[in-house]
C-alpha atoms as a PDB file:
ATOM      1  CA  MET A   1     128.964  96.380 110.553  1.00  0.00           C
ATOM      2  CA  GLY A   2     127.721  94.218 107.875  1.00  0.00           C
ATOM      3  CA  LEU A   3     126.305  90.378 108.519  1.00  0.00           C
ATOM      4  CA  PHE A   4     129.796  89.224 107.993  1.00  0.00           C
ATOM      5  CA  ASP A   5     131.415  91.416 110.675  1.00  0.00           C
ATOM      6  CA  ARG A   6     128.608  90.698 112.674  1.00  0.00           C
ATOM      7  CA  LEU A   7     128.992  87.487 112.655  1.00  0.00           C
ATOM      8  CA  ARG A   8     132.511  87.210 112.641  1.00  0.00           C
ATOM      9  CA  GLU A   9     132.149  89.049 116.489  1.00  0.00           C
ATOM     10  CA  GLY A  10     129.457  87.299 117.597  1.00  0.00           C
ATOM     11  CA  LEU A  11     131.296  83.784 116.908  1.00  0.00           C
ATOM     12  CA  THR A  12     134.388  84.688 118.493  1.00  0.00           C
ATOM     13  CA  LYS A  13     133.156  82.494 121.657  1.00  0.00           C
ATOM     14  CA  SER A  14     132.649  79.559 118.885  1.00  0.00           C
ATOM     15  CA  ARG A  15     136.092  80.139 117.495  1.00  0.00           C
ATOM     16  CA  GLU A  16     138.145  80.232 120.705  1.00  0.00           C
ATOM     17  CA  ASN A  17     136.058  76.879 121.737  1.00  0.00           C
ATOM     18  CA  PHE A  18     135.615  75.140 118.727  1.00  0.00           C
ATOM     19  CA  VAL A  19     137.238  76.120 115.823  1.00  0.00           C
ATOM     20  CA  ASN A  20     140.684  77.046 116.720  1.00  0.00           C
ATOM     21  CA  ASN A  21     141.125  73.727 118.320  1.00  0.00           C
ATOM     22  CA  VAL A  22     140.053  72.133 114.925  1.00  0.00           C
ATOM     23  CA  ILE A  23     142.225  74.551 113.116  1.00  0.00           C
ATOM     24  CA  SER A  24     145.378  73.269 115.428  1.00  0.00           C
ATOM     25  CA  VAL A  25     144.975  69.617 114.109  1.00  0.00           C
ATOM     26  CA  PHE A  26     146.224  70.791 110.649  1.00  0.00           C
ATOM     27  CA  ASP A  27     149.144  72.386 112.597  1.00  0.00           C
ATOM     28  CA  THR A  28     149.882  69.444 115.193  1.00  0.00           C
ATOM     29  CA  HIS A  29     149.530  66.459 112.669  1.00  0.00           C
ATOM     30  CA  GLN A  30     152.675  65.976 110.040  1.00  0.00           C
ATOM     31  CA  TYR A  31     150.651  62.909 107.966  1.00  0.00           C
ATOM     32  CA  ILE A  32     146.991  62.265 106.856  1.00  0.00           C
ATOM     33  CA  ASP A  33     146.586  59.007 108.432  1.00  0.00           C
ATOM     34  CA  ASP A  34     143.731  57.662 110.878  1.00  0.00           C
ATOM     35  CA  ASP A  35     145.089  59.839 114.121  1.00  0.00           C
ATOM     36  CA  PHE A  36     144.674  62.793 111.923  1.00  0.00           C
ATOM     37  CA  TYR A  37     140.830  61.815 110.882  1.00  0.00           C
ATOM     38  CA  ASP A  38     140.559  60.477 114.400  1.00  0.00           C
ATOM     39  CA  GLU A  39     141.091  63.891 116.066  1.00  0.00           C
ATOM     40  CA  LEU A  40     139.278  66.149 113.655  1.00  0.00           C
ATOM     41  CA  GLU A  41     136.385  63.868 113.992  1.00  0.00           C
ATOM     42  CA  GLU A  42     136.301  64.030 117.523  1.00  0.00           C
ATOM     43  CA  LEU A  43     136.544  68.021 117.516  1.00  0.00           C
ATOM     44  CA  LEU A  44     133.956  68.492 115.636  1.00  0.00           C
ATOM     45  CA  VAL A  45     131.562  66.168 117.242  1.00  0.00           C
ATOM     46  CA  MET A  46     132.722  68.183 120.241  1.00  0.00           C
ATOM     47  CA  GLY A  47     132.083  71.252 118.566  1.00  0.00           C
ATOM     48  CA  ASP A  48     128.222  70.765 118.299  1.00  0.00           C
ATOM     49  CA  VAL A  49     128.622  69.585 114.681  1.00  0.00           C
ATOM     50  CA  GLY A  50     126.719  66.470 115.339  1.00  0.00           C
ATOM     51  CA  VAL A  51     127.711  63.029 114.408  1.00  0.00           C
ATOM     52  CA  GLU A  52     125.961  62.514 110.900  1.00  0.00           C
ATOM     53  CA  ALA A  53     127.133  65.517 109.708  1.00  0.00           C
ATOM     54  CA  THR A  54     130.627  65.183 110.863  1.00  0.00           C
ATOM     55  CA  GLU A  55     130.732  61.564 109.239  1.00  0.00           C
ATOM     56  CA  ASN A  56     129.909  63.277 105.881  1.00  0.00           C
ATOM     57  CA  ILE A  57     132.372  65.886 106.369  1.00  0.00           C
ATOM     58  CA  ILE A  58     134.868  63.689 106.869  1.00  0.00           C
ATOM     59  CA  GLU A  59     134.145  61.043 104.457  1.00  0.00           C
ATOM     60  CA  LYS A  60     133.919  63.497 101.759  1.00  0.00           C
ATOM     61  CA  LEU A  61     137.570  64.804 103.067  1.00  0.00           C
ATOM     62  CA  LYS A  62     139.269  61.970 102.782  1.00  0.00           C
ATOM     63  CA  VAL A  63     137.535  61.841  98.726  1.00  0.00           C
ATOM     64  CA  ASP A  64     139.547  65.149  98.330  1.00  0.00           C
ATOM     65  CA  VAL A  65     142.444  64.236  99.728  1.00  0.00           C
ATOM     66  CA  LYS A  66     142.593  60.994  97.130  1.00  0.00           C
ATOM     67  CA  GLU A  67     141.323  62.865  94.019  1.00  0.00           C
ATOM     68  CA  GLN A  68     143.613  66.190  94.551  1.00  0.00           C
ATOM     69  CA  HIS A  69     146.441  64.089  95.957  1.00  0.00           C
ATOM     70  CA  LEU A  70     146.750  65.919  98.581  1.00  0.00           C
ATOM     71  CA  LYS A  71     149.843  64.989 100.880  1.00  0.00           C
ATOM     72  CA  THR A  72     149.519  67.436 104.517  1.00  0.00           C
ATOM     73  CA  PRO A  73     146.801  67.839 106.722  1.00  0.00           C
ATOM     74  CA  MET A  74     147.959  71.627 105.819  1.00  0.00           C
ATOM     75  CA  GLN A  75     146.119  71.334 102.332  1.00  0.00           C
ATOM     76  CA  CYS A  76     143.301  70.093 104.214  1.00  0.00           C
ATOM     77  CA  LYS A  77     141.696  72.734 105.754  1.00  0.00           C
ATOM     78  CA  ALA A  78     140.088  74.251 102.339  1.00  0.00           C
ATOM     79  CA  PHE A  79     138.582  71.446 101.872  1.00  0.00           C
ATOM     80  CA  LEU A  80     137.358  71.330 105.057  1.00  0.00           C
ATOM     81  CA  ILE A  81     135.431  74.530 104.749  1.00  0.00           C
ATOM     82  CA  LYS A  82     133.867  73.550 101.580  1.00  0.00           C
ATOM     83  CA  ASN A  83     133.038  70.513 102.764  1.00  0.00           C
ATOM     84  CA  ILE A  84     131.343  72.245 105.472  1.00  0.00           C
ATOM     85  CA  LYS A  85     129.754  74.854 103.450  1.00  0.00           C
ATOM     86  CA  GLU A  86     128.276  72.064 101.078  1.00  0.00           C
ATOM     87  CA  GLN A  87     125.930  70.414 104.328  1.00  0.00           C
ATOM     88  CA  MET A  88     124.983  73.317 104.968  1.00  0.00           C
ATOM     89  CA  ARG A  89     123.387  74.507 100.799  1.00  0.00           C
ATOM     90  CA  VAL A  90     120.467  76.205 100.811  1.00  0.00           C
ATOM     91  CA  SER A  91     118.381  75.738  97.249  1.00  0.00           C
ATOM     92  CA  SER A  92     116.900  79.040  95.843  1.00  0.00           C
ATOM     93  CA  SER A  93     113.719  77.312  95.730  1.00  0.00           C
ATOM     94  CA  ASP A  94     113.406  77.384  99.195  1.00  0.00           C
ATOM     95  CA  TYR A  95     112.806  81.038  99.740  1.00  0.00           C
ATOM     96  CA  GLU A  96     110.036  80.518  97.364  1.00  0.00           C
ATOM     97  CA  PHE A  97     107.268  81.285 100.156  1.00  0.00           C
ATOM     98  CA  LEU A  98     109.142  84.813 100.221  1.00  0.00           C
ATOM     99  CA  LYS A  99     107.596  85.802  96.869  1.00  0.00           C
ATOM    100  CA  GLN A 100     103.753  83.922  96.982  1.00  0.00           C
ATOM    101  CA  ARG A 101     101.254  84.130  98.971  1.00  0.00           C
ATOM    102  CA  SER A 102     101.570  82.170 101.969  1.00  0.00           C
ATOM    103  CA  VAL A 103     100.854  81.290 105.446  1.00  0.00           C
ATOM    104  CA  VAL A 104     103.946  81.321 107.869  1.00  0.00           C
ATOM    105  CA  MET A 105     103.623  79.046 111.176  1.00  0.00           C
ATOM    106  CA  VAL A 106     106.291  79.980 113.134  1.00  0.00           C
ATOM    107  CA  ILE A 107     106.776  77.246 115.918  1.00  0.00           C
ATOM    108  CA  GLY A 108     109.675  77.221 119.043  1.00  0.00           C
ATOM    109  CA  VAL A 109     109.305  76.661 122.674  1.00  0.00           C
ATOM    110  CA  ASN A 110     109.128  79.876 125.027  1.00  0.00           C
ATOM    111  CA  GLY A 111     112.199  82.008 125.139  1.00  0.00           C
ATOM    112  CA  VAL A 112     113.561  81.397 121.756  1.00  0.00           C
ATOM    113  CA  GLY A 113     113.127  84.732 120.245  1.00  0.00           C
ATOM    114  CA  LYS A 114     109.572  83.810 117.981  1.00  0.00           C
ATOM    115  CA  THR A 115     108.108  87.288 118.642  1.00  0.00           C
ATOM    116  CA  THR A 116     110.886  89.079 117.469  1.00  0.00           C
ATOM    117  CA  THR A 117     111.214  86.832 114.854  1.00  0.00           C
ATOM    118  CA  ILE A 118     108.303  86.904 113.496  1.00  0.00           C
ATOM    119  CA  GLY A 119     108.176  90.961 113.957  1.00  0.00           C
ATOM    120  CA  LYS A 120     111.113  90.706 111.488  1.00  0.00           C
ATOM    121  CA  LEU A 121     109.760  88.416 109.107  1.00  0.00           C
ATOM    122  CA  ALA A 122     106.865  91.130 108.948  1.00  0.00           C
ATOM    123  CA  ALA A 123     109.504  93.846 108.700  1.00  0.00           C
ATOM    124  CA  ILE A 124     111.009  91.690 105.210  1.00  0.00           C
ATOM    125  CA  TYR A 125     107.892  90.969 103.864  1.00  0.00           C
ATOM    126  CA  LYS A 126     106.885  94.630 104.636  1.00  0.00           C
ATOM    127  CA  SER A 127     110.268  95.645 102.680  1.00  0.00           C
ATOM    128  CA  LYS A 128     108.944  93.547  99.461  1.00  0.00           C
ATOM    129  CA  GLY A 129     105.813  95.347  98.836  1.00  0.00           C
ATOM    130  CA  LYS A 130     103.369  92.491 100.608  1.00  0.00           C
ATOM    131  CA  LYS A 131     100.083  93.061 102.347  1.00  0.00           C
ATOM    132  CA  VAL A 132     100.628  91.506 105.616  1.00  0.00           C
ATOM    133  CA  LEU A 133      98.777  90.314 108.913  1.00  0.00           C
ATOM    134  CA  ILE A 134     100.117  88.719 112.075  1.00  0.00           C
ATOM    135  CA  ALA A 135      98.176  86.143 114.079  1.00  0.00           C
ATOM    136  CA  ALA A 136      98.383  85.618 118.008  1.00  0.00           C
ATOM    137  CA  ALA A 137      97.816  82.185 118.401  1.00  0.00           C
ATOM    138  CA  ASP A 138     100.201  82.069 121.613  1.00  0.00           C
ATOM    139  CA  THR A 139      97.486  82.827 123.799  1.00  0.00           C
ATOM    140  CA  PHE A 140      99.457  80.615 127.067  1.00  0.00           C
ATOM    141  CA  ARG A 141     102.162  83.264 127.423  1.00  0.00           C
ATOM    142  CA  ALA A 142     101.500  86.495 129.705  1.00  0.00           C
ATOM    143  CA  ALA A 143     102.745  89.175 127.495  1.00  0.00           C
ATOM    144  CA  ALA A 144     102.948  87.386 124.435  1.00  0.00           C
ATOM    145  CA  THR A 145     100.105  89.147 122.468  1.00  0.00           C
ATOM    146  CA  GLU A 146     101.300  92.735 124.085  1.00  0.00           C
ATOM    147  CA  GLN A 147     105.006  91.789 122.669  1.00  0.00           C
ATOM    148  CA  LEU A 148     103.781  91.076 119.272  1.00  0.00           C
ATOM    149  CA  GLU A 149     101.484  93.664 118.703  1.00  0.00           C
ATOM    150  CA  GLU A 150     104.765  95.940 119.601  1.00  0.00           C
ATOM    151  CA  TRP A 151     106.445  94.528 117.063  1.00  0.00           C
ATOM    152  CA  ALA A 152     103.393  94.341 114.177  1.00  0.00           C
ATOM    153  CA  HIS A 153     103.464  98.313 115.037  1.00  0.00           C
ATOM    154  CA  ARG A 154     107.208  98.523 114.427  1.00  0.00           C
ATOM    155  CA  ALA A 155     106.405  96.570 110.695  1.00  0.00           C
ATOM    156  CA  ASN A 156     103.408  98.459 110.352  1.00  0.00           C
ATOM    157  CA  VAL A 157     101.564  95.480 109.461  1.00  0.00           C
ATOM    158  CA  ASP A 158      97.651  94.596 111.079  1.00  0.00           C
ATOM    159  CA  ILE A 159      97.464  91.803 113.472  1.00  0.00           C
ATOM    160  CA  ILE A 160      94.618  89.563 115.020  1.00  0.00           C
ATOM    161  CA  LYS A 161      94.532  88.425 118.322  1.00  0.00           C
ATOM    162  CA  GLY A 162      92.426  86.472 121.417  1.00  0.00           C
ATOM    163  CA  LYS A 163      91.951  86.674 124.664  1.00  0.00           C
ATOM    164  CA  GLU A 164      94.667  85.515 127.081  1.00  0.00           C
ATOM    165  CA  GLY A 165      94.430  82.035 127.500  1.00  0.00           C
ATOM    166  CA  SER A 166      92.018  81.177 125.071  1.00  0.00           C
ATOM    167  CA  ASP A 167      91.809  78.498 122.270  1.00  0.00           C
ATOM    168  CA  PRO A 168      95.453  79.110 119.867  1.00  0.00           C
ATOM    169  CA  SER A 169      93.408  77.388 117.180  1.00  0.00           C
ATOM    170  CA  SER A 170      90.036  80.057 117.180  1.00  0.00           C
ATOM    171  CA  VAL A 171      92.581  82.664 116.793  1.00  0.00           C
ATOM    172  CA  LEU A 172      94.153  81.150 113.713  1.00  0.00           C
ATOM    173  CA  TYR A 173      90.598  80.187 112.155  1.00  0.00           C
ATOM    174  CA  ASP A 174      90.172  83.989 112.784  1.00  0.00           C
ATOM    175  CA  ALA A 175      93.152  84.930 111.515  1.00  0.00           C
ATOM    176  CA  VAL A 176      92.516  82.461 107.751  1.00  0.00           C
ATOM    177  CA  ASN A 177      89.030  84.012 107.368  1.00  0.00           C
ATOM    178  CA  ALA A 178      90.572  87.791 107.628  1.00  0.00           C
ATOM    179  CA  ALA A 179      93.353  87.088 105.737  1.00  0.00           C
ATOM    180  CA  ASN A 180      90.985  85.649 102.789  1.00  0.00           C
ATOM    181  CA  ALA A 181      88.659  88.576 102.769  1.00  0.00           C
ATOM    182  CA  ARG A 182      91.049  91.318 103.665  1.00  0.00           C
ATOM    183  CA  GLY A 183      93.343  89.553 100.342  1.00  0.00           C
ATOM    184  CA  VAL A 184      96.465  89.564 102.738  1.00  0.00           C
ATOM    185  CA  ASP A 185      99.891  88.377 100.801  1.00  0.00           C
ATOM    186  CA  VAL A 186     101.297  86.973 103.900  1.00  0.00           C
ATOM    187  CA  LEU A 187      99.603  85.709 107.112  1.00  0.00           C
ATOM    188  CA  LEU A 188     102.370  85.239 109.844  1.00  0.00           C
ATOM    189  CA  VAL A 189     100.884  82.761 112.668  1.00  0.00           C
ATOM    190  CA  ASP A 190     103.320  83.096 116.382  1.00  0.00           C
ATOM    191  CA  THR A 191     101.654  79.734 117.394  1.00  0.00           C
ATOM    192  CA  ALA A 192     101.947  78.267 121.570  1.00  0.00           C
ATOM    193  CA  GLY A 193     105.353  77.160 122.866  1.00  0.00           C
ATOM    194  CA  ARG A 194     104.230  76.275 125.664  1.00  0.00           C
ATOM    195  CA  LEU A 195     100.620  74.302 127.212  1.00  0.00           C
ATOM    196  CA  HIS A 196     100.163  72.325 130.190  1.00  0.00           C
ATOM    197  CA  ASN A 197     101.849  69.632 129.141  1.00  0.00           C
ATOM    198  CA  LYS A 198     104.263  69.047 125.766  1.00  0.00           C
ATOM    199  CA  LYS A 199     101.488  66.210 124.743  1.00  0.00           C
ATOM    200  CA  ASN A 200      98.486  69.096 124.699  1.00  0.00           C
ATOM    201  CA  LEU A 201     101.284  71.377 122.923  1.00  0.00           C
ATOM    202  CA  MET A 202     102.073  69.117 120.102  1.00  0.00           C
ATOM    203  CA  GLU A 203      98.679  68.228 119.844  1.00  0.00           C
ATOM    204  CA  GLU A 204      97.776  71.501 119.538  1.00  0.00           C
ATOM    205  CA  LEU A 205     100.073  72.179 116.839  1.00  0.00           C
ATOM    206  CA  LYS A 206      98.276  69.524 114.771  1.00  0.00           C
ATOM    207  CA  LYS A 207      95.324  71.003 115.160  1.00  0.00           C
ATOM    208  CA  MET A 208      96.519  73.989 113.811  1.00  0.00           C
ATOM    209  CA  HIS A 209      98.341  72.107 111.053  1.00  0.00           C
ATOM    210  CA  ARG A 210      94.544  70.709 109.937  1.00  0.00           C
ATOM    211  CA  ILE A 211      93.064  74.178 109.980  1.00  0.00           C
ATOM    212  CA  VAL A 212      95.635  75.643 107.462  1.00  0.00           C
ATOM    213  CA  GLU A 213      94.798  72.792 105.254  1.00  0.00           C
ATOM    214  CA  LYS A 214      91.141  72.830 105.207  1.00  0.00           C
ATOM    215  CA  ASN A 215      90.862  76.874 105.167  1.00  0.00           C
ATOM    216  CA  PHE A 216      94.248  78.129 103.590  1.00  0.00           C
ATOM    217  CA  SER A 217      95.121  75.371 101.296  1.00  0.00           C
ATOM    218  CA  ASP A 218      95.488  77.174  97.903  1.00  0.00           C
ATOM    219  CA  VAL A 219      98.513  79.481  99.272  1.00  0.00           C
ATOM    220  CA  LYS A 220     102.375  78.343 100.035  1.00  0.00           C
ATOM    221  CA  GLN A 221     102.313  76.823 103.453  1.00  0.00           C
ATOM    222  CA  GLU A 222     105.620  77.504 105.410  1.00  0.00           C
ATOM    223  CA  TYR A 223     106.875  75.823 108.687  1.00  0.00           C
ATOM    224  CA  LEU A 224     109.966  78.077 110.291  1.00  0.00           C
ATOM    225  CA  ILE A 225     111.100  76.930 113.461  1.00  0.00           C
ATOM    226  CA  VAL A 226     113.192  78.973 115.749  1.00  0.00           C
ATOM    227  CA  LEU A 227     115.952  77.383 117.622  1.00  0.00           C
ATOM    228  CA  ASP A 228     118.088  79.259 120.315  1.00  0.00           C
ATOM    229  CA  GLY A 229     121.616  78.893 119.114  1.00  0.00           C
ATOM    230  CA  THR A 230     123.220  79.767 122.575  1.00  0.00           C
ATOM    231  CA  THR A 231     121.636  76.069 123.822  1.00  0.00           C
ATOM    232  CA  GLY A 232     123.586  73.665 121.468  1.00  0.00           C
ATOM    233  CA  GLN A 233     122.398  70.195 120.983  1.00  0.00           C
ATOM    234  CA  ASN A 234     119.258  70.820 122.626  1.00  0.00           C
ATOM    235  CA  ALA A 235     118.175  72.861 120.182  1.00  0.00           C
ATOM    236  CA  LEU A 236     118.326  69.911 117.416  1.00  0.00           C
ATOM    237  CA  VAL A 237     115.973  68.029 120.071  1.00  0.00           C
ATOM    238  CA  GLN A 238     113.769  70.269 119.982  1.00  0.00           C
ATOM    239  CA  ALA A 239     113.313  70.724 116.330  1.00  0.00           C
ATOM    240  CA  ARG A 240     113.312  66.795 116.343  1.00  0.00           C
ATOM    241  CA  GLU A 241     109.986  66.725 118.991  1.00  0.00           C
ATOM    242  CA  PHE A 242     108.111  69.607 116.940  1.00  0.00           C
ATOM    243  CA  SER A 243     109.041  68.236 113.673  1.00  0.00           C
ATOM    244  CA  GLN A 244     106.547  65.289 114.851  1.00  0.00           C
ATOM    245  CA  ALA A 245     103.806  67.618 115.255  1.00  0.00           C
ATOM    246  CA  ALA A 246     104.384  70.259 112.091  1.00  0.00           C
ATOM    247  CA  PRO A 247     105.941  69.531 108.735  1.00  0.00           C
ATOM    248  CA  LEU A 248     109.260  71.361 108.919  1.00  0.00           C
ATOM    249  CA  SER A 249     110.264  73.095 106.033  1.00  0.00           C
ATOM    250  CA  GLY A 250     112.847  76.133 107.479  1.00  0.00           C
ATOM    251  CA  ILE A 251     114.871  76.681 110.779  1.00  0.00           C
ATOM    252  CA  VAL A 252     115.308  80.029 111.928  1.00  0.00           C
ATOM    253  CA  ILE A 253     118.681  80.363 114.429  1.00  0.00           C
ATOM    254  CA  THR A 254     118.638  83.065 116.659  1.00  0.00           C
ATOM    255  CA  LYS A 255     121.215  84.512 119.495  1.00  0.00           C
ATOM    256  CA  MET A 256     123.804  83.593 116.721  1.00  0.00           C
ATOM    257  CA  ASP A 257     126.077  87.174 117.405  1.00  0.00           C
ATOM    258  CA  GLY A 258     126.982  85.755 120.570  1.00  0.00           C
ATOM    259  CA  THR A 259     127.118  82.000 121.279  1.00  0.00           C
ATOM    260  CA  ALA A 260     129.946  79.459 121.867  1.00  0.00           C
ATOM    261  CA  LYS A 261     128.000  76.700 119.766  1.00  0.00           C
ATOM    262  CA  GLY A 262     128.112  77.935 116.611  1.00  0.00           C
ATOM    263  CA  GLY A 263     128.557  74.480 115.281  1.00  0.00           C
ATOM    264  CA  ILE A 264     124.875  73.842 116.059  1.00  0.00           C
ATOM    265  CA  ALA A 265     123.938  75.220 112.843  1.00  0.00           C
ATOM    266  CA  ILE A 266     125.812  72.313 110.817  1.00  0.00           C
ATOM    267  CA  ALA A 267     124.142  69.858 112.751  1.00  0.00           C
ATOM    268  CA  ILE A 268     120.608  70.957 112.335  1.00  0.00           C
ATOM    269  CA  GLN A 269     120.535  71.297 108.742  1.00  0.00           C
ATOM    270  CA  SER A 270     121.992  68.168 107.948  1.00  0.00           C
ATOM    271  CA  GLU A 271     120.591  65.628 110.473  1.00  0.00           C
ATOM    272  CA  LEU A 272     116.995  67.015 109.990  1.00  0.00           C
ATOM    273  CA  ASN A 273     117.429  67.632 106.126  1.00  0.00           C
ATOM    274  CA  VAL A 274     115.504  71.213 107.060  1.00  0.00           C
ATOM    275  CA  PRO A 275     117.446  73.995 105.734  1.00  0.00           C
ATOM    276  CA  VAL A 276     118.338  76.701 107.530  1.00  0.00           C
ATOM    277  CA  LYS A 277     116.546  80.101 106.004  1.00  0.00           C
ATOM    278  CA  PHE A 278     117.371  82.873 107.964  1.00  0.00           C
ATOM    279  CA  ILE A 279     119.825  83.945 111.007  1.00  0.00           C
ATOM    280  CA  GLY A 280     119.120  86.298 113.585  1.00  0.00           C
ATOM    281  CA  VAL A 281     122.312  88.227 114.683  1.00  0.00           C
ATOM    282  CA  GLY A 282     120.485  90.988 117.109  1.00  0.00           C
ATOM    283  CA  GLU A 283     117.646  92.449 118.328  1.00  0.00           C
ATOM    284  CA  LYS A 284     116.930  95.379 115.656  1.00  0.00           C
ATOM    285  CA  ILE A 285     114.320  94.434 113.421  1.00  0.00           C
ATOM    286  CA  ASP A 286     116.729  94.351 110.306  1.00  0.00           C
ATOM    287  CA  ASP A 287     118.803  91.827 111.972  1.00  0.00           C
ATOM    288  CA  LEU A 288     117.211  89.012 110.569  1.00  0.00           C
ATOM    289  CA  GLN A 289     119.113  87.759 107.467  1.00  0.00           C
ATOM    290  CA  GLU A 290     118.294  85.135 105.141  1.00  0.00           C
ATOM    291  CA  PHE A 291     121.098  82.678 105.675  1.00  0.00           C
ATOM    292  CA  ASP A 292     124.433  82.222 103.100  1.00  0.00           C
ATOM    293  CA  PRO A 293     126.407  79.503 104.004  1.00  0.00           C
ATOM    294  CA  ASP A 294     129.334  80.916 102.837  1.00  0.00           C
ATOM    295  CA  THR A 295     129.279  83.906 104.690  1.00  0.00           C
ATOM    296  CA  PHE A 296     128.119  81.506 108.089  1.00  0.00           C
ATOM    297  CA  VAL A 297     131.181  79.208 107.680  1.00  0.00           C
ATOM    298  CA  ASP A 298     133.422  82.129 106.292  1.00  0.00           C
ATOM    299  CA  ALA A 299     132.637  84.136 109.914  1.00  0.00           C
ATOM    300  CA  LEU A 300     132.665  80.868 111.902  1.00  0.00           C
ATOM    301  CA  PHE A 301     136.572  80.200 111.100  1.00  0.00           C
ATOM    302  CA  ASP A 302     137.300  83.540 110.315  1.00  0.00           C
ATOM    303  CA  PHE A 303     138.673  82.297 106.572  1.00  0.00           C
ATOM    304  CA  ARG A 304     139.722  84.973 104.459  1.00  0.00           C
ATOM    305  CA  LYS A 305     141.154  84.464 100.406  1.00  0.00           C
ATOM    306  CA  GLU A 306     144.263  86.526  99.471  1.00  0.00           C
ATOM    307  CA  GLY A 307     144.279  85.826  95.755  1.00  0.00           C
ATOM    308  CA  ALA A 308     143.534  82.266  96.185  1.00  0.00           C
ATOM    309  CA  PRO A 309     143.768  80.414  92.942  1.00  0.00           C
ATOM    310  CA  GLU A 310     140.619  77.962  91.586  1.00  0.00           C
ATOM    311  CA  ASP A 311     142.834  74.820  92.548  1.00  0.00           C
ATOM    312  CA  LEU A 312     142.005  74.617  95.928  1.00  0.00           C
ATOM    313  CA  SER A 313     145.288  72.072  96.596  1.00  0.00           C
ATOM    314  CA  LYS A 314     147.458  75.173  96.427  1.00  0.00           C
ATOM    315  CA  ILE A 315     146.324  75.518 100.207  1.00  0.00           C
ATOM    316  CA  GLU A 316     149.436  78.165 100.849  1.00  0.00           C
ATOM    317  CA  ALA A 317     147.112  81.086  98.663  1.00  0.00           C
ATOM    318  CA  LEU A 318     144.908  80.547 101.472  1.00  0.00           C
ATOM    319  CA  HIS A 319     144.806  82.155 104.620  1.00  0.00           C
ATOM    320  CA  PHE A 320     143.131  81.320 108.196  1.00  0.00           C
ATOM    321  CA  ASP A 321     143.341  84.175 110.965  1.00  0.00           C
ATOM    322  CA  ASP A 322     143.736  81.978 114.261  1.00  0.00           C
END
């Protein structure tokens, strides 16, 4: 299956638990009034879209209703989807790090898919003809290095590692020196997802950031946080905490091929003002895809256009599969 079909299938639970309830608002309300807006807002928040993102979407919908002279809730469907896509829009400049010499720090708690994400990123870079090096700096998790070595083997790239329990920053320092000496295009760094306590983890991330700033400052620096799409609002909480220790520049959402909390992707980008750059839809090495909001939202809502006119207010030409 292609990305759209995999997303569409994977987001079935989200559609059943969230989207279908939202769509029903357009069918059950006769007028565009406060009750219509209030129920729509409540369902979006309950669907993990988040308060801030929901407010932005609803306010923009009200503007569309006025400007397009919409008369019935049924006419608002396409505009709701358009506004959700706008909340998640990614600039082409957000992917410049894929083209430049760069260090990519991959952060996140254990279990979110950090290791597999690094392996898949390595494969993406490798396919672009880049020389890639992986730093196994998650030294506190049992078997983390072995797992990363397997992914490095699959992607056919080199790896720098240290002893289990060793200082993560020392591994990063060695990897930076190796990257400079070998003329590496991309250094992918697996960071610790757990230390003895949260404060130590955040301090270690700050220390690693300083090492990059001091020893690898002439390359593009990218800080990707990996979040598990099945955890809903907990993913947003994790992202906020990590943003205090590292300058997040992008988000990777994994396990989107089986979550009932698809709305969280909208909330994360809107509330953190950090773009979702990749989305994971499976376990294979090529299952990490650059994020496209049109594909994601269309798959979430199972949205199809059948000869839709440029004038979106002519909603009869737009079809939604319930």
